[in-house]
Amino acid sequence: PISVARKVMEATPHVMLVGKGAYRFALE
């Protein structure tokens, strides 16, 4: 999950994604 968190930081305008949304983003 730490690497998904870094992707949230670098590839989205957001700070936090949760639950199914975070999972879908990780797969993408």
PDB file of all heavy atoms in Angstrom:
ATOM      1  N   PRO A   1       0.800  -1.232   0.000  1.00  0.00           N
ATOM      2  CA  PRO A   1       0.000   0.000   0.000  1.00  0.00           C
ATOM      3  C   PRO A   1       0.828   1.275   0.000  1.00  0.00           C
ATOM      4  O   PRO A   1       0.352   2.311  -0.460  1.00  0.00           O
ATOM      5  CB  PRO A   1      -0.831  -0.130   1.285  1.00  0.00           C
ATOM      6  CG  PRO A   1      -0.061  -1.081   2.144  1.00  0.00           C
ATOM      7  CD  PRO A   1       0.566  -2.048   1.204  1.00  0.00           C
ATOM      8  N   ILE A   2       2.085   1.211   0.502  1.00  0.00           N
ATOM      9  CA  ILE A   2       2.894   2.432   0.507  1.00  0.00           C
ATOM     10  C   ILE A   2       3.175   2.915  -0.900  1.00  0.00           C
ATOM     11  O   ILE A   2       3.209   4.128  -1.165  1.00  0.00           O
ATOM     12  CB  ILE A   2       4.210   2.211   1.286  1.00  0.00           C
ATOM     13  CG1 ILE A   2       4.861   3.561   1.636  1.00  0.00           C
ATOM     14  CG2 ILE A   2       5.177   1.324   0.527  1.00  0.00           C
ATOM     15  CD1 ILE A   2       4.045   4.424   2.570  1.00  0.00           C
ATOM     16  N   SER A   3       3.347   1.987  -1.832  1.00  0.00           N
ATOM     17  CA  SER A   3       3.610   2.373  -3.211  1.00  0.00           C
ATOM     18  C   SER A   3       2.344   2.884  -3.896  1.00  0.00           C
ATOM     19  O   SER A   3       2.415   3.758  -4.771  1.00  0.00           O
ATOM     20  CB  SER A   3       4.201   1.190  -3.982  1.00  0.00           C
ATOM     21  OG  SER A   3       5.478   0.854  -3.467  1.00  0.00           O
ATOM     22  N   VAL A   4       1.187   2.357  -3.492  1.00  0.00           N
ATOM     23  CA  VAL A   4      -0.071   2.915  -3.989  1.00  0.00           C
ATOM     24  C   VAL A   4      -0.243   4.339  -3.467  1.00  0.00           C
ATOM     25  O   VAL A   4      -0.669   5.242  -4.199  1.00  0.00           O
ATOM     26  CB  VAL A   4      -1.264   2.035  -3.583  1.00  0.00           C
ATOM     27  CG1 VAL A   4      -2.561   2.588  -4.176  1.00  0.00           C
ATOM     28  CG2 VAL A   4      -1.057   0.589  -4.035  1.00  0.00           C
ATOM     29  N   ALA A   5       0.096   4.548  -2.196  1.00  0.00           N
ATOM     30  CA  ALA A   5       0.018   5.895  -1.620  1.00  0.00           C
ATOM     31  C   ALA A   5       0.906   6.865  -2.390  1.00  0.00           C
ATOM     32  O   ALA A   5       0.515   8.020  -2.645  1.00  0.00           O
ATOM     33  CB  ALA A   5       0.417   5.858  -0.149  1.00  0.00           C
ATOM     34  N   ARG A   6       2.095   6.423  -2.770  1.00  0.00           N
ATOM     35  CA  ARG A   6       2.969   7.306  -3.551  1.00  0.00           C
ATOM     36  C   ARG A   6       2.358   7.622  -4.909  1.00  0.00           C
ATOM     37  O   ARG A   6       2.468   8.762  -5.403  1.00  0.00           O
ATOM     38  CB  ARG A   6       4.351   6.679  -3.713  1.00  0.00           C
ATOM     39  CG  ARG A   6       5.307   7.603  -4.473  1.00  0.00           C
ATOM     40  CD  ARG A   6       6.741   7.144  -4.413  1.00  0.00           C
ATOM     41  NE  ARG A   6       7.586   8.049  -5.188  1.00  0.00           N
ATOM     42  CZ  ARG A   6       8.909   7.962  -5.284  1.00  0.00           C
ATOM     43  NH1 ARG A   6       9.555   6.993  -4.627  1.00  0.00           N
ATOM     44  NH2 ARG A   6       9.595   8.821  -6.006  1.00  0.00           N
ATOM     45  N   LYS A   7       1.698   6.648  -5.513  1.00  0.00           N
ATOM     46  CA  LYS A   7       1.028   6.894  -6.795  1.00  0.00           C
ATOM     47  C   LYS A   7      -0.107   7.891  -6.625  1.00  0.00           C
ATOM     48  O   LYS A   7      -0.346   8.734  -7.495  1.00  0.00           O
ATOM     49  CB  LYS A   7       0.509   5.579  -7.373  1.00  0.00           C
ATOM     50  CG  LYS A   7       1.571   4.698  -8.003  1.00  0.00           C
ATOM     51  CD  LYS A   7       2.119   5.332  -9.291  1.00  0.00           C
ATOM     52  CE  LYS A   7       3.080   4.391  -9.994  1.00  0.00           C
ATOM     53  NZ  LYS A   7       3.649   5.016 -11.228  1.00  0.00           N
ATOM     54  N   VAL A   8      -0.829   7.802  -5.514  1.00  0.00           N
ATOM     55  CA  VAL A   8      -1.871   8.798  -5.244  1.00  0.00           C
ATOM     56  C   VAL A   8      -1.252  10.195  -5.199  1.00  0.00           C
ATOM     57  O   VAL A   8      -1.787  11.159  -5.767  1.00  0.00           O
ATOM     58  CB  VAL A   8      -2.595   8.484  -3.918  1.00  0.00           C
ATOM     59  CG1 VAL A   8      -3.541   9.629  -3.535  1.00  0.00           C
ATOM     60  CG2 VAL A   8      -3.363   7.175  -4.028  1.00  0.00           C
ATOM     61  N   MET A   9      -0.109  10.309  -4.550  1.00  0.00           N
ATOM     62  CA  MET A   9       0.589  11.586  -4.431  1.00  0.00           C
ATOM     63  C   MET A   9       1.031  12.113  -5.787  1.00  0.00           C
ATOM     64  O   MET A   9       0.887  13.303  -6.086  1.00  0.00           O
ATOM     65  CB  MET A   9       1.805  11.423  -3.520  1.00  0.00           C
ATOM     66  CG  MET A   9       2.654  12.676  -3.353  1.00  0.00           C
ATOM     67  SD  MET A   9       4.060  12.442  -2.215  1.00  0.00           S
ATOM     68  CE  MET A   9       5.174  11.481  -3.256  1.00  0.00           C
ATOM     69  N   GLU A  10       1.549  11.245  -6.631  1.00  0.00           N
ATOM     70  CA  GLU A  10       2.197  11.680  -7.869  1.00  0.00           C
ATOM     71  C   GLU A  10       1.284  11.684  -9.089  1.00  0.00           C
ATOM     72  O   GLU A  10       1.542  12.416 -10.044  1.00  0.00           O
ATOM     73  CB  GLU A  10       3.409  10.797  -8.147  1.00  0.00           C
ATOM     74  CG  GLU A  10       4.497  10.926  -7.088  1.00  0.00           C
ATOM     75  CD  GLU A  10       5.686  10.012  -7.312  1.00  0.00           C
ATOM     76  OE1 GLU A  10       5.534   8.998  -8.033  1.00  0.00           O
ATOM     77  OE2 GLU A  10       6.769  10.298  -6.763  1.00  0.00           O
ATOM     78  N   ALA A  11       0.218  10.879  -9.059  1.00  0.00           N
ATOM     79  CA  ALA A  11      -0.581  10.710 -10.282  1.00  0.00           C
ATOM     80  C   ALA A  11      -2.013  11.206 -10.156  1.00  0.00           C
ATOM     81  O   ALA A  11      -2.790  11.083 -11.113  1.00  0.00           O
ATOM     82  CB  ALA A  11      -0.590   9.225 -10.685  1.00  0.00           C
ATOM     83  N   THR A  12      -2.385  11.760  -9.002  1.00  0.00           N
ATOM     84  CA  THR A  12      -3.744  12.275  -8.833  1.00  0.00           C
ATOM     85  C   THR A  12      -3.679  13.664  -8.188  1.00  0.00           C
ATOM     86  O   THR A  12      -2.654  14.039  -7.606  1.00  0.00           O
ATOM     87  CB  THR A  12      -4.603  11.360  -7.923  1.00  0.00           C
ATOM     88  OG1 THR A  12      -4.323  11.641  -6.542  1.00  0.00           O
ATOM     89  CG2 THR A  12      -4.344   9.884  -8.217  1.00  0.00           C
ATOM     90  N   PRO A  13      -4.787  14.416  -8.246  1.00  0.00           N
ATOM     91  CA  PRO A  13      -4.829  15.701  -7.536  1.00  0.00           C
ATOM     92  C   PRO A  13      -5.223  15.543  -6.071  1.00  0.00           C
ATOM     93  O   PRO A  13      -5.383  16.542  -5.365  1.00  0.00           O
ATOM     94  CB  PRO A  13      -5.920  16.463  -8.309  1.00  0.00           C
ATOM     95  CG  PRO A  13      -6.845  15.392  -8.783  1.00  0.00           C
ATOM     96  CD  PRO A  13      -5.971  14.201  -9.091  1.00  0.00           C
ATOM     97  N   HIS A  14      -5.343  14.309  -5.598  1.00  0.00           N
ATOM     98  CA  HIS A  14      -5.849  14.039  -4.257  1.00  0.00           C
ATOM     99  C   HIS A  14      -4.725  13.651  -3.297  1.00  0.00           C
ATOM    100  O   HIS A  14      -3.601  13.370  -3.702  1.00  0.00           O
ATOM    101  CB  HIS A  14      -6.891  12.922  -4.315  1.00  0.00           C
ATOM    102  CG  HIS A  14      -7.967  13.163  -5.315  1.00  0.00           C
ATOM    103  ND1 HIS A  14      -8.743  14.307  -5.323  1.00  0.00           N
ATOM    104  CD2 HIS A  14      -8.393  12.417  -6.373  1.00  0.00           C
ATOM    105  CE1 HIS A  14      -9.609  14.259  -6.322  1.00  0.00           C
ATOM    106  NE2 HIS A  14      -9.406  13.132  -6.980  1.00  0.00           N
ATOM    107  N   VAL A  15      -5.075  13.610  -2.027  1.00  0.00           N
ATOM    108  CA  VAL A  15      -4.162  13.118  -1.002  1.00  0.00           C
ATOM    109  C   VAL A  15      -4.529  11.701  -0.589  1.00  0.00           C
ATOM    110  O   VAL A  15      -3.645  10.865  -0.387  1.00  0.00           O
ATOM    111  CB  VAL A  15      -4.168  14.044   0.236  1.00  0.00           C
ATOM    112  CG1 VAL A  15      -3.436  13.396   1.406  1.00  0.00           C
ATOM    113  CG2 VAL A  15      -3.511  15.380  -0.102  1.00  0.00           C
ATOM    114  N   MET A  16      -5.805  11.377  -0.474  1.00  0.00           N
ATOM    115  CA  MET A  16      -6.218  10.078   0.050  1.00  0.00           C
ATOM    116  C   MET A  16      -7.268   9.417  -0.827  1.00  0.00           C
ATOM    117  O   MET A  16      -8.221  10.069  -1.274  1.00  0.00           O
ATOM    118  CB  MET A  16      -6.765  10.229   1.472  1.00  0.00           C
ATOM    119  CG  MET A  16      -7.309   8.928   2.072  1.00  0.00           C
ATOM    120  SD  MET A  16      -7.963   9.120   3.749  1.00  0.00           S
ATOM    121  CE  MET A  16      -6.436   9.125   4.692  1.00  0.00           C
ATOM    122  N   LEU A  17      -7.086   8.123  -1.052  1.00  0.00           N
ATOM    123  CA  LEU A  17      -8.104   7.264  -1.641  1.00  0.00           C
ATOM    124  C   LEU A  17      -8.367   6.123  -0.672  1.00  0.00           C
ATOM    125  O   LEU A  17      -7.449   5.640  -0.008  1.00  0.00           O
ATOM    126  CB  LEU A  17      -7.655   6.707  -2.991  1.00  0.00           C
ATOM    127  CG  LEU A  17      -7.452   7.711  -4.123  1.00  0.00           C
ATOM    128  CD1 LEU A  17      -6.950   6.992  -5.378  1.00  0.00           C
ATOM    129  CD2 LEU A  17      -8.738   8.469  -4.439  1.00  0.00           C
ATOM    130  N   VAL A  18      -9.626   5.655  -0.624  1.00  0.00           N
ATOM    131  CA  VAL A  18      -9.975   4.619   0.350  1.00  0.00           C
ATOM    132  C   VAL A  18     -10.771   3.500  -0.304  1.00  0.00           C
ATOM    133  O   VAL A  18     -11.379   3.665  -1.365  1.00  0.00           O
ATOM    134  CB  VAL A  18     -10.788   5.207   1.527  1.00  0.00           C
ATOM    135  CG1 VAL A  18     -10.038   6.346   2.193  1.00  0.00           C
ATOM    136  CG2 VAL A  18     -12.159   5.674   1.058  1.00  0.00           C
ATOM    137  N   GLY A  19     -10.756   2.356   0.352  1.00  0.00           N
ATOM    138  CA  GLY A  19     -11.624   1.252   0.021  1.00  0.00           C
ATOM    139  C   GLY A  19     -11.562   0.800  -1.426  1.00  0.00           C
ATOM    140  O   GLY A  19     -10.487   0.646  -2.019  1.00  0.00           O
ATOM    141  N   LYS A  20     -12.729   0.575  -2.008  1.00  0.00           N
ATOM    142  CA  LYS A  20     -12.821   0.068  -3.373  1.00  0.00           C
ATOM    143  C   LYS A  20     -12.220   1.044  -4.379  1.00  0.00           C
ATOM    144  O   LYS A  20     -11.652   0.622  -5.390  1.00  0.00           O
ATOM    145  CB  LYS A  20     -14.274  -0.222  -3.726  1.00  0.00           C
ATOM    146  CG  LYS A  20     -14.863  -1.398  -2.951  1.00  0.00           C
ATOM    147  CD  LYS A  20     -16.307  -1.663  -3.367  1.00  0.00           C
ATOM    148  CE  LYS A  20     -16.883  -2.857  -2.607  1.00  0.00           C
ATOM    149  NZ  LYS A  20     -18.304  -3.127  -2.979  1.00  0.00           N
ATOM    150  N   GLY A  21     -12.335   2.331  -4.101  1.00  0.00           N
ATOM    151  CA  GLY A  21     -11.746   3.320  -5.000  1.00  0.00           C
ATOM    152  C   GLY A  21     -10.234   3.228  -5.024  1.00  0.00           C
ATOM    153  O   GLY A  21      -9.606   3.319  -6.088  1.00  0.00           O
ATOM    154  N   ALA A  22      -9.629   3.027  -3.854  1.00  0.00           N
ATOM    155  CA  ALA A  22      -8.183   2.866  -3.786  1.00  0.00           C
ATOM    156  C   ALA A  22      -7.748   1.582  -4.475  1.00  0.00           C
ATOM    157  O   ALA A  22      -6.721   1.549  -5.168  1.00  0.00           O
ATOM    158  CB  ALA A  22      -7.733   2.853  -2.318  1.00  0.00           C
ATOM    159  N   TYR A  23      -8.535   0.523  -4.310  1.00  0.00           N
ATOM    160  CA  TYR A  23      -8.217  -0.754  -4.941  1.00  0.00           C
ATOM    161  C   TYR A  23      -8.290  -0.631  -6.467  1.00  0.00           C
ATOM    162  O   TYR A  23      -7.394  -1.093  -7.184  1.00  0.00           O
ATOM    163  CB  TYR A  23      -9.186  -1.814  -4.443  1.00  0.00           C
ATOM    164  CG  TYR A  23      -9.012  -3.168  -5.093  1.00  0.00           C
ATOM    165  CD1 TYR A  23      -7.921  -3.972  -4.801  1.00  0.00           C
ATOM    166  CD2 TYR A  23      -9.966  -3.648  -6.001  1.00  0.00           C
ATOM    167  CE1 TYR A  23      -7.765  -5.222  -5.387  1.00  0.00           C
ATOM    168  CE2 TYR A  23      -9.820  -4.896  -6.593  1.00  0.00           C
ATOM    169  CZ  TYR A  23      -8.718  -5.676  -6.287  1.00  0.00           C
ATOM    170  OH  TYR A  23      -8.564  -6.905  -6.881  1.00  0.00           O
ATOM    171  N   ARG A  24      -9.347  -0.017  -6.965  1.00  0.00           N
ATOM    172  CA  ARG A  24      -9.481   0.160  -8.411  1.00  0.00           C
ATOM    173  C   ARG A  24      -8.333   0.994  -8.973  1.00  0.00           C
ATOM    174  O   ARG A  24      -7.766   0.684 -10.019  1.00  0.00           O
ATOM    175  CB  ARG A  24     -10.829   0.808  -8.735  1.00  0.00           C
ATOM    176  CG  ARG A  24     -11.090   0.949 -10.238  1.00  0.00           C
ATOM    177  CD  ARG A  24     -12.523   1.336 -10.517  1.00  0.00           C
ATOM    178  NE  ARG A  24     -12.851   2.646  -9.980  1.00  0.00           N
ATOM    179  CZ  ARG A  24     -13.754   2.859  -9.033  1.00  0.00           C
ATOM    180  NH1 ARG A  24     -14.412   1.837  -8.507  1.00  0.00           N
ATOM    181  NH2 ARG A  24     -14.019   4.077  -8.603  1.00  0.00           N
ATOM    182  N   PHE A  25      -7.985   2.055  -8.262  1.00  0.00           N
ATOM    183  CA  PHE A  25      -6.865   2.897  -8.698  1.00  0.00           C
ATOM    184  C   PHE A  25      -5.573   2.096  -8.743  1.00  0.00           C
ATOM    185  O   PHE A  25      -4.788   2.214  -9.689  1.00  0.00           O
ATOM    186  CB  PHE A  25      -6.718   4.083  -7.735  1.00  0.00           C
ATOM    187  CG  PHE A  25      -5.468   4.889  -7.944  1.00  0.00           C
ATOM    188  CD1 PHE A  25      -5.361   5.770  -9.008  1.00  0.00           C
ATOM    189  CD2 PHE A  25      -4.382   4.762  -7.072  1.00  0.00           C
ATOM    190  CE1 PHE A  25      -4.204   6.521  -9.210  1.00  0.00           C
ATOM    191  CE2 PHE A  25      -3.229   5.501  -7.268  1.00  0.00           C
ATOM    192  CZ  PHE A  25      -3.141   6.381  -8.337  1.00  0.00           C
ATOM    193  N   ALA A  26      -5.342   1.261  -7.734  1.00  0.00           N
ATOM    194  CA  ALA A  26      -4.128   0.449  -7.707  1.00  0.00           C
ATOM    195  C   ALA A  26      -4.051  -0.470  -8.919  1.00  0.00           C
ATOM    196  O   ALA A  26      -2.985  -0.596  -9.560  1.00  0.00           O
ATOM    197  CB  ALA A  26      -4.078  -0.368  -6.414  1.00  0.00           C
ATOM    198  N   LEU A  27      -5.151  -1.111  -9.252  1.00  0.00           N
ATOM    199  CA  LEU A  27      -5.164  -1.988 -10.428  1.00  0.00           C
ATOM    200  C   LEU A  27      -4.897  -1.199 -11.704  1.00  0.00           C
ATOM    201  O   LEU A  27      -4.154  -1.651 -12.593  1.00  0.00           O
ATOM    202  CB  LEU A  27      -6.511  -2.715 -10.527  1.00  0.00           C
ATOM    203  CG  LEU A  27      -6.857  -3.684  -9.390  1.00  0.00           C
ATOM    204  CD1 LEU A  27      -8.220  -4.327  -9.649  1.00  0.00           C
ATOM    205  CD2 LEU A  27      -5.783  -4.744  -9.214  1.00  0.00           C
ATOM    206  N   GLU A  28      -5.471  -0.009 -11.798  1.00  0.00           N
ATOM    207  CA  GLU A  28      -5.253   0.837 -12.976  1.00  0.00           C
ATOM    208  C   GLU A  28      -3.796   1.241 -13.111  1.00  0.00           C
ATOM    209  O   GLU A  28      -3.296   1.457 -14.215  1.00  0.00           O
ATOM    210  CB  GLU A  28      -6.131   2.085 -12.888  1.00  0.00           C
ATOM    211  CG  GLU A  28      -7.624   1.818 -13.049  1.00  0.00           C
ATOM    212  CD  GLU A  28      -8.473   3.022 -12.714  1.00  0.00           C
ATOM    213  OE1 GLU A  28      -7.897   4.038 -12.205  1.00  0.00           O
ATOM    214  OE2 GLU A  28      -9.694   2.971 -12.917  1.00  0.00           O
TER     215      GLU A  28
END
